[in-house]
């Protein structure tokens, strides 16, 4: 029996080793397949993340572009009180801001007239119930450079919608560096809702 037992020991050992390596092999293979699946899944998730980041960046870029566009669109001044007659006060500080802009650009104001019913203005003619309209007629003295700077600021940086309705330039007698300027600027303010 001892001899039989001695012959079975190497056989049992061999069977044990084969089973052990078989178990390890199946475990390693299954874990390796799980690892490969995780890698594939990770790649897919990373692709989705990159796509989401790209879409987010595109939407942020579009938002910034829209904000820039909105900032460049001039707002219509809103009147706080209703006015049916000639009340220059409904334009709030707009009138003062235009005068300050003229003075900031070193133009001299010789006279100012205003017309609360400008007959040629299309907003006044077509939207009288919605908007107050005032045409300011300035008679100014200055240089071409000063006039150019004023017109640029009125059309680009002035925060409210205005219209330069007329401009007439003539040379100043006696000094060709200066010009006489007839400038008509139309102001608009939205009437309060009833």
Protein backbone atom coordinates (compact mmCIF):
# COMPACT_ATOMS: atom_id res chain seq x y z
CA UNK A 1 0.00 0.00 0.00
CA UNK A 2 2.88 2.19 0.66
CA UNK A 3 4.12 1.62 -2.85
CA UNK A 4 0.67 2.43 -4.30
CA UNK A 5 0.46 5.50 -2.15
CA UNK A 6 3.88 6.62 -3.32
CA UNK A 7 2.75 6.31 -6.94
CA UNK A 8 -0.47 8.28 -6.27
CA UNK A 9 1.32 11.18 -4.61
CA UNK A 10 2.99 12.47 -7.79
CA UNK A 11 -0.26 11.95 -9.69
CA UNK A 12 -2.25 13.87 -7.06
CA UNK A 13 0.39 16.56 -7.05
CA UNK A 14 0.23 16.81 -10.83
CA UNK A 15 -3.59 16.99 -10.77
CA UNK A 16 -3.43 19.65 -8.06
CA UNK A 17 -0.91 21.70 -10.06
CA UNK A 18 -3.01 21.39 -13.25
CA UNK A 19 -6.18 22.41 -11.37
CA UNK A 20 -4.34 25.29 -9.70
CA UNK A 21 -3.00 26.62 -13.00
CA UNK A 22 -6.37 26.04 -14.65
CA UNK A 23 -8.08 28.07 -11.93
CA UNK A 24 -5.48 30.82 -12.17
CA UNK A 25 -5.73 30.84 -15.97
CA UNK A 26 -9.54 31.18 -15.98
CA UNK A 27 -9.39 33.86 -13.29
CA UNK A 28 -6.66 35.83 -15.07
CA UNK A 29 -8.34 35.54 -18.46
CA UNK A 30 -11.70 36.67 -17.08
CA UNK A 31 -10.07 39.60 -15.23
CA UNK A 32 -8.06 40.53 -18.33
CA UNK A 33 -11.27 40.53 -20.40
CA UNK A 34 -12.92 42.73 -17.75
CA UNK A 35 -9.90 45.04 -17.91
CA UNK A 36 -10.14 45.23 -21.71
CA UNK A 37 -13.86 45.93 -21.46
CA UNK A 38 -13.18 48.67 -18.90
CA UNK A 39 -10.56 50.14 -21.22
CA UNK A 40 -13.02 50.16 -24.11
CA UNK A 41 -15.72 51.59 -21.87
CA UNK A 42 -13.26 54.18 -20.54
CA UNK A 43 -12.35 55.20 -24.11
CA UNK A 44 -16.04 55.59 -24.95
CA UNK A 45 -16.65 57.65 -21.81
CA UNK A 46 -13.59 59.77 -22.55
CA UNK A 47 -14.87 60.38 -26.09
CA UNK A 48 -18.26 61.41 -24.66
CA UNK A 49 -16.51 63.71 -22.17
CA UNK A 50 -14.44 65.33 -24.93
CA UNK A 51 -17.56 65.79 -27.04
CA UNK A 52 -19.40 67.35 -24.08
CA UNK A 53 -16.43 69.66 -23.41
CA UNK A 54 -16.37 70.68 -27.05
CA UNK A 55 -20.12 71.38 -27.05
CA UNK A 56 -19.74 73.36 -23.81
CA UNK A 57 -16.87 75.42 -25.26
CA UNK A 58 -18.91 76.08 -28.42
CA UNK A 59 -21.93 77.17 -26.39
CA UNK A 60 -19.76 79.45 -24.21
CA UNK A 61 -18.21 80.97 -27.32
CA UNK A 62 -21.66 81.54 -28.80
CA UNK A 63 -22.84 83.05 -25.52
CA UNK A 64 -19.89 85.48 -25.48
CA UNK A 65 -20.57 86.42 -29.11
CA UNK A 66 -24.24 87.05 -28.27
CA UNK A 67 -23.26 89.13 -25.24
CA UNK A 68 -20.91 91.16 -27.42
CA UNK A 69 -23.68 91.66 -29.97
CA UNK A 70 -26.14 92.68 -27.25
CA UNK A 71 -23.66 95.21 -25.87
CA UNK A 72 -23.23 96.72 -29.32
CA UNK A 73 -27.01 97.10 -29.77
CA UNK A 74 -28.07 100.47 -28.47
CA UNK A 75 -30.88 100.65 -25.97
CA UNK A 76 -33.85 102.97 -26.29
CA UNK A 77 -34.07 105.34 -23.33
CA UNK A 78 -37.19 104.58 -21.27
CA UNK A 79 -39.26 107.48 -20.03
CA UNK A 80 -40.48 107.21 -16.44
CA UNK A 81 -43.38 109.64 -16.82
CA UNK A 82 -45.91 110.16 -19.57
CA UNK A 83 -45.87 113.27 -21.70
CA UNK A 84 -48.33 114.40 -24.30
CA UNK A 85 -46.91 117.87 -24.88
CA UNK A 86 -43.52 119.44 -25.46
CA UNK A 87 -41.65 118.32 -22.37
CA UNK A 88 -37.89 118.04 -22.92
CA UNK A 89 -37.61 116.54 -19.41
CA UNK A 90 -38.89 113.16 -20.63
CA UNK A 91 -35.47 112.55 -22.17
CA UNK A 92 -33.89 112.50 -18.71
CA UNK A 93 -30.16 112.92 -18.87
CA UNK A 94 -29.87 112.12 -22.59
CA UNK A 95 -30.02 115.80 -23.54
CA UNK A 96 -27.34 116.65 -20.97
CA UNK A 97 -25.20 113.71 -22.08
CA UNK A 98 -25.23 114.88 -25.70
CA UNK A 99 -24.16 118.38 -24.61
CA UNK A 100 -21.38 116.93 -22.40
CA UNK A 101 -20.22 114.80 -25.34
CA UNK A 102 -20.02 117.90 -27.53
CA UNK A 103 -18.08 119.77 -24.85
CA UNK A 104 -15.78 116.79 -24.20
CA UNK A 105 -14.81 116.87 -27.87
CA UNK A 106 -13.91 120.59 -27.49
CA UNK A 107 -16.61 121.88 -29.83
CA UNK A 108 -18.13 125.28 -29.03
CA UNK A 109 -21.92 125.45 -28.90
CA UNK A 110 -23.23 128.68 -30.42
CA UNK A 111 -26.90 127.79 -30.21
CA UNK A 112 -29.32 124.93 -29.58
CA UNK A 113 -32.88 124.58 -30.83
CA UNK A 114 -35.19 121.66 -30.29
CA UNK A 115 -38.23 120.31 -32.06
CA UNK A 116 -40.46 117.82 -30.23
CA UNK A 117 -42.42 117.21 -33.43
CA UNK A 118 -39.93 116.62 -36.23
CA UNK A 119 -42.13 116.28 -39.30
CA UNK A 120 -39.60 114.27 -41.32
CA UNK A 121 -38.80 111.65 -38.67
CA UNK A 122 -40.31 108.24 -39.46
CA UNK A 123 -40.47 107.14 -35.80
CA UNK A 124 -42.42 110.27 -34.91
CA UNK A 125 -44.76 109.84 -37.88
CA UNK A 126 -45.39 106.11 -37.43
CA UNK A 127 -44.95 105.36 -33.70
CA UNK A 128 -46.16 108.49 -31.90
CA UNK A 129 -48.04 106.44 -29.28
CA UNK A 130 -44.92 104.43 -28.36
CA UNK A 131 -42.04 106.93 -28.51
CA UNK A 132 -41.16 110.49 -27.60
CA UNK A 133 -39.03 112.11 -30.28
CA UNK A 134 -36.93 115.26 -30.03
CA UNK A 135 -34.71 116.71 -32.73
CA UNK A 136 -31.88 118.82 -31.33
CA UNK A 137 -30.41 121.36 -33.74
CA UNK A 138 -26.91 122.42 -32.77
CA UNK A 139 -24.91 125.24 -34.28
CA UNK A 140 -21.29 124.39 -33.43
CA UNK A 141 -17.78 125.69 -34.07
CA UNK A 142 -14.75 123.39 -34.13
CA UNK A 143 -12.32 121.45 -36.29
CA UNK A 144 -12.86 118.50 -38.60
CA UNK A 145 -11.02 116.26 -36.11
CA UNK A 146 -13.28 117.35 -33.25
CA UNK A 147 -16.39 116.78 -35.39
CA UNK A 148 -15.15 113.35 -36.47
CA UNK A 149 -14.52 112.37 -32.83
CA UNK A 150 -18.02 113.57 -31.80
CA UNK A 151 -19.73 111.66 -34.61
CA UNK A 152 -17.76 108.50 -33.78
CA UNK A 153 -18.76 108.67 -30.11
CA UNK A 154 -22.41 109.42 -30.90
CA UNK A 155 -22.64 106.46 -33.26
CA UNK A 156 -20.54 103.90 -31.37
CA UNK A 157 -20.22 104.56 -27.63
CA UNK A 158 -23.31 106.63 -26.81
CA UNK A 159 -25.47 104.16 -24.83
CA UNK A 160 -28.87 105.08 -26.29
CA UNK A 161 -30.37 105.08 -29.73
CA UNK A 162 -29.96 108.45 -31.45
CA UNK A 163 -30.09 109.48 -35.07
CA UNK A 164 -27.92 112.05 -36.77
CA UNK A 165 -30.59 113.46 -39.04
CA UNK A 166 -28.72 116.35 -40.67
CA UNK A 167 -25.21 117.73 -40.87
CA UNK A 168 -23.99 120.75 -42.76
CA UNK A 169 -20.40 121.97 -42.63
CA UNK A 170 -19.05 125.34 -43.87
CA UNK A 171 -15.64 126.92 -43.43
CA UNK A 172 -15.11 129.64 -40.87
CA UNK A 173 -14.29 132.98 -42.49
CA UNK A 174 -10.92 134.25 -41.43
CA UNK A 175 -9.57 130.94 -40.06
CA UNK A 176 -9.63 127.84 -42.25
CA UNK A 177 -8.70 125.56 -39.33
CA UNK A 178 -12.22 125.95 -37.92
CA UNK A 179 -15.59 125.01 -39.40
CA UNK A 180 -19.19 125.99 -38.73
CA UNK A 181 -21.38 122.96 -38.15
CA UNK A 182 -25.15 122.65 -38.29
CA UNK A 183 -25.85 119.29 -36.67
CA UNK A 184 -29.28 117.78 -36.05
CA UNK A 185 -29.42 114.86 -33.61
CA UNK A 186 -32.72 113.10 -32.98
CA UNK A 187 -33.30 111.59 -29.54
CA UNK A 188 -35.80 108.82 -28.85
CA UNK A 189 -37.36 107.72 -25.61
CA UNK A 190 -39.85 104.92 -25.09
CA UNK A 191 -43.12 106.05 -23.54
CA UNK A 192 -44.20 104.19 -20.39
CA UNK A 193 -46.82 101.51 -20.94
CA UNK A 194 -50.32 102.52 -19.96
